[in-house]
């Protein structure tokens, strides 16, 4: 997974879609590392929005692939937030469980 995100960060592409992905941070306390997927910045309904949704879906799918099939636990945690839309609807869209 780290290789997939690292490759995306270096190329600016995730599964064929251009999207901003930061470098993965160095290991911090307790072994945590982080990265950031930038918003696509487009209006809902625009092609860029569809492309960004597709890229984010693929990233979440890859992150969810680390879940234990027996108890659904994971050591990979994420949160996807929505902010800055026309209606000022800022909220969590999905998160690891």
C-alpha atoms as a PDB file:
ATOM      1  CA  UNK A   1       0.000   0.000   0.000  1.00  0.00           C
ATOM      2  CA  UNK A   2       2.765   2.411   0.866  1.00  0.00           C
ATOM      3  CA  UNK A   3       4.215   1.766  -2.587  1.00  0.00           C
ATOM      4  CA  UNK A   4       0.877   2.535  -4.286  1.00  0.00           C
ATOM      5  CA  UNK A   5       0.481   5.837  -2.454  1.00  0.00           C
ATOM      6  CA  UNK A   6       4.160   6.729  -2.842  1.00  0.00           C
ATOM      7  CA  UNK A   7       3.910   6.132  -6.583  1.00  0.00           C
ATOM      8  CA  UNK A   8       0.775   8.270  -6.733  1.00  0.00           C
ATOM      9  CA  UNK A   9       2.477  11.038  -4.799  1.00  0.00           C
ATOM     10  CA  UNK A  10       5.472  11.082  -7.099  1.00  0.00           C
ATOM     11  CA  UNK A  11       3.446  10.982 -10.316  1.00  0.00           C
ATOM     12  CA  UNK A  12       0.349  12.961  -9.334  1.00  0.00           C
ATOM     13  CA  UNK A  13      -1.805  10.140 -10.737  1.00  0.00           C
ATOM     14  CA  UNK A  14      -3.968   7.655  -8.878  1.00  0.00           C
ATOM     15  CA  UNK A  15      -5.366   4.867 -11.025  1.00  0.00           C
ATOM     16  CA  UNK A  16      -5.234   7.017 -14.145  1.00  0.00           C
ATOM     17  CA  UNK A  17      -6.695  10.155 -12.582  1.00  0.00           C
ATOM     18  CA  UNK A  18      -4.665  13.264 -11.782  1.00  0.00           C
ATOM     19  CA  UNK A  19      -5.086  14.090  -8.111  1.00  0.00           C
ATOM     20  CA  UNK A  20      -2.840  15.673  -5.496  1.00  0.00           C
ATOM     21  CA  UNK A  21      -1.341  13.144  -3.091  1.00  0.00           C
ATOM     22  CA  UNK A  22       1.288  14.219  -0.574  1.00  0.00           C
ATOM     23  CA  UNK A  23       4.434  12.352   0.287  1.00  0.00           C
ATOM     24  CA  UNK A  24       4.118   9.862   3.116  1.00  0.00           C
ATOM     25  CA  UNK A  25       5.476  11.319   6.333  1.00  0.00           C
ATOM     26  CA  UNK A  26       8.416   9.762   8.147  1.00  0.00           C
ATOM     27  CA  UNK A  27       7.591   7.391  10.983  1.00  0.00           C
ATOM     28  CA  UNK A  28       6.626   9.235  14.162  1.00  0.00           C
ATOM     29  CA  UNK A  29       5.878   7.992  17.658  1.00  0.00           C
ATOM     30  CA  UNK A  30       4.154   4.626  17.789  1.00  0.00           C
ATOM     31  CA  UNK A  31       5.099   3.995  14.156  1.00  0.00           C
ATOM     32  CA  UNK A  32       2.460   6.287  12.670  1.00  0.00           C
ATOM     33  CA  UNK A  33       2.816   7.636   9.138  1.00  0.00           C
ATOM     34  CA  UNK A  34       0.422   9.930   7.291  1.00  0.00           C
ATOM     35  CA  UNK A  35      -0.382  11.286   3.864  1.00  0.00           C
ATOM     36  CA  UNK A  36      -2.914  13.697   2.446  1.00  0.00           C
ATOM     37  CA  UNK A  37      -5.106  13.438  -0.646  1.00  0.00           C
ATOM     38  CA  UNK A  38      -5.969  16.932  -1.833  1.00  0.00           C
ATOM     39  CA  UNK A  39      -9.503  17.822  -2.872  1.00  0.00           C
ATOM     40  CA  UNK A  40     -10.140  17.966  -6.610  1.00  0.00           C
ATOM     41  CA  UNK A  41     -11.413  21.543  -6.207  1.00  0.00           C
ATOM     42  CA  UNK A  42     -14.197  21.199  -8.745  1.00  0.00           C
ATOM     43  CA  UNK A  43     -17.941  21.681  -8.528  1.00  0.00           C
ATOM     44  CA  UNK A  44     -20.184  18.634  -8.078  1.00  0.00           C
ATOM     45  CA  UNK A  45     -21.301  17.397 -11.470  1.00  0.00           C
ATOM     46  CA  UNK A  46     -18.147  18.478 -13.295  1.00  0.00           C
ATOM     47  CA  UNK A  47     -15.949  15.816 -14.876  1.00  0.00           C
ATOM     48  CA  UNK A  48     -13.102  16.701 -12.525  1.00  0.00           C
ATOM     49  CA  UNK A  49     -15.411  15.936  -9.592  1.00  0.00           C
ATOM     50  CA  UNK A  50     -16.320  12.522 -11.033  1.00  0.00           C
ATOM     51  CA  UNK A  51     -12.631  11.792 -11.656  1.00  0.00           C
ATOM     52  CA  UNK A  52     -11.698  12.872  -8.125  1.00  0.00           C
ATOM     53  CA  UNK A  53     -14.472  10.707  -6.654  1.00  0.00           C
ATOM     54  CA  UNK A  54     -13.182   7.730  -8.641  1.00  0.00           C
ATOM     55  CA  UNK A  55      -9.612   8.268  -7.448  1.00  0.00           C
ATOM     56  CA  UNK A  56     -10.687   8.651  -3.816  1.00  0.00           C
ATOM     57  CA  UNK A  57     -12.848   5.511  -4.085  1.00  0.00           C
ATOM     58  CA  UNK A  58      -9.839   3.556  -5.334  1.00  0.00           C
ATOM     59  CA  UNK A  59      -7.630   4.880  -2.530  1.00  0.00           C
ATOM     60  CA  UNK A  60     -10.234   3.941   0.100  1.00  0.00           C
ATOM     61  CA  UNK A  61     -10.622   0.507  -1.501  1.00  0.00           C
ATOM     62  CA  UNK A  62      -6.854   0.000  -1.236  1.00  0.00           C
ATOM     63  CA  UNK A  63      -6.841   1.193   2.388  1.00  0.00           C
ATOM     64  CA  UNK A  64      -9.773  -1.088   3.245  1.00  0.00           C
ATOM     65  CA  UNK A  65      -7.908  -4.061   1.763  1.00  0.00           C
ATOM     66  CA  UNK A  66      -5.857  -4.108   4.975  1.00  0.00           C
ATOM     67  CA  UNK A  67      -8.883  -5.065   7.070  1.00  0.00           C
ATOM     68  CA  UNK A  68      -8.768  -8.412   8.837  1.00  0.00           C
ATOM     69  CA  UNK A  69     -11.430 -10.597   7.197  1.00  0.00           C
ATOM     70  CA  UNK A  70     -12.322 -12.254  10.511  1.00  0.00           C
ATOM     71  CA  UNK A  71     -13.033  -9.241  12.703  1.00  0.00           C
ATOM     72  CA  UNK A  72     -12.874  -6.273  10.271  1.00  0.00           C
ATOM     73  CA  UNK A  73     -10.111  -4.640  12.342  1.00  0.00           C
ATOM     74  CA  UNK A  74      -7.333  -2.677  10.683  1.00  0.00           C
ATOM     75  CA  UNK A  75      -4.111  -0.912  11.536  1.00  0.00           C
ATOM     76  CA  UNK A  76      -4.693   1.518   8.656  1.00  0.00           C
ATOM     77  CA  UNK A  77      -6.962   4.385   9.682  1.00  0.00           C
ATOM     78  CA  UNK A  78      -8.364   7.117   7.448  1.00  0.00           C
ATOM     79  CA  UNK A  79     -10.996   9.810   7.310  1.00  0.00           C
ATOM     80  CA  UNK A  80     -12.491  11.488   4.242  1.00  0.00           C
ATOM     81  CA  UNK A  81     -13.985  14.927   4.798  1.00  0.00           C
ATOM     82  CA  UNK A  82     -16.012  17.294   2.671  1.00  0.00           C
ATOM     83  CA  UNK A  83     -15.452  21.023   3.053  1.00  0.00           C
ATOM     84  CA  UNK A  84     -15.833  24.228   1.122  1.00  0.00           C
ATOM     85  CA  UNK A  85     -18.867  23.301  -0.953  1.00  0.00           C
ATOM     86  CA  UNK A  86     -21.398  25.909  -2.094  1.00  0.00           C
ATOM     87  CA  UNK A  87     -23.719  25.176   0.850  1.00  0.00           C
ATOM     88  CA  UNK A  88     -20.957  25.214   3.491  1.00  0.00           C
ATOM     89  CA  UNK A  89     -21.736  21.542   4.208  1.00  0.00           C
ATOM     90  CA  UNK A  90     -18.570  20.457   6.037  1.00  0.00           C
ATOM     91  CA  UNK A  91     -18.678  16.839   7.248  1.00  0.00           C
ATOM     92  CA  UNK A  92     -17.047  13.434   7.485  1.00  0.00           C
ATOM     93  CA  UNK A  93     -17.987  11.362   4.449  1.00  0.00           C
ATOM     94  CA  UNK A  94     -16.399   8.069   5.481  1.00  0.00           C
ATOM     95  CA  UNK A  95     -13.794   6.757   7.859  1.00  0.00           C
ATOM     96  CA  UNK A  96     -12.070   3.545   8.805  1.00  0.00           C
ATOM     97  CA  UNK A  97     -13.797   1.470  11.467  1.00  0.00           C
END
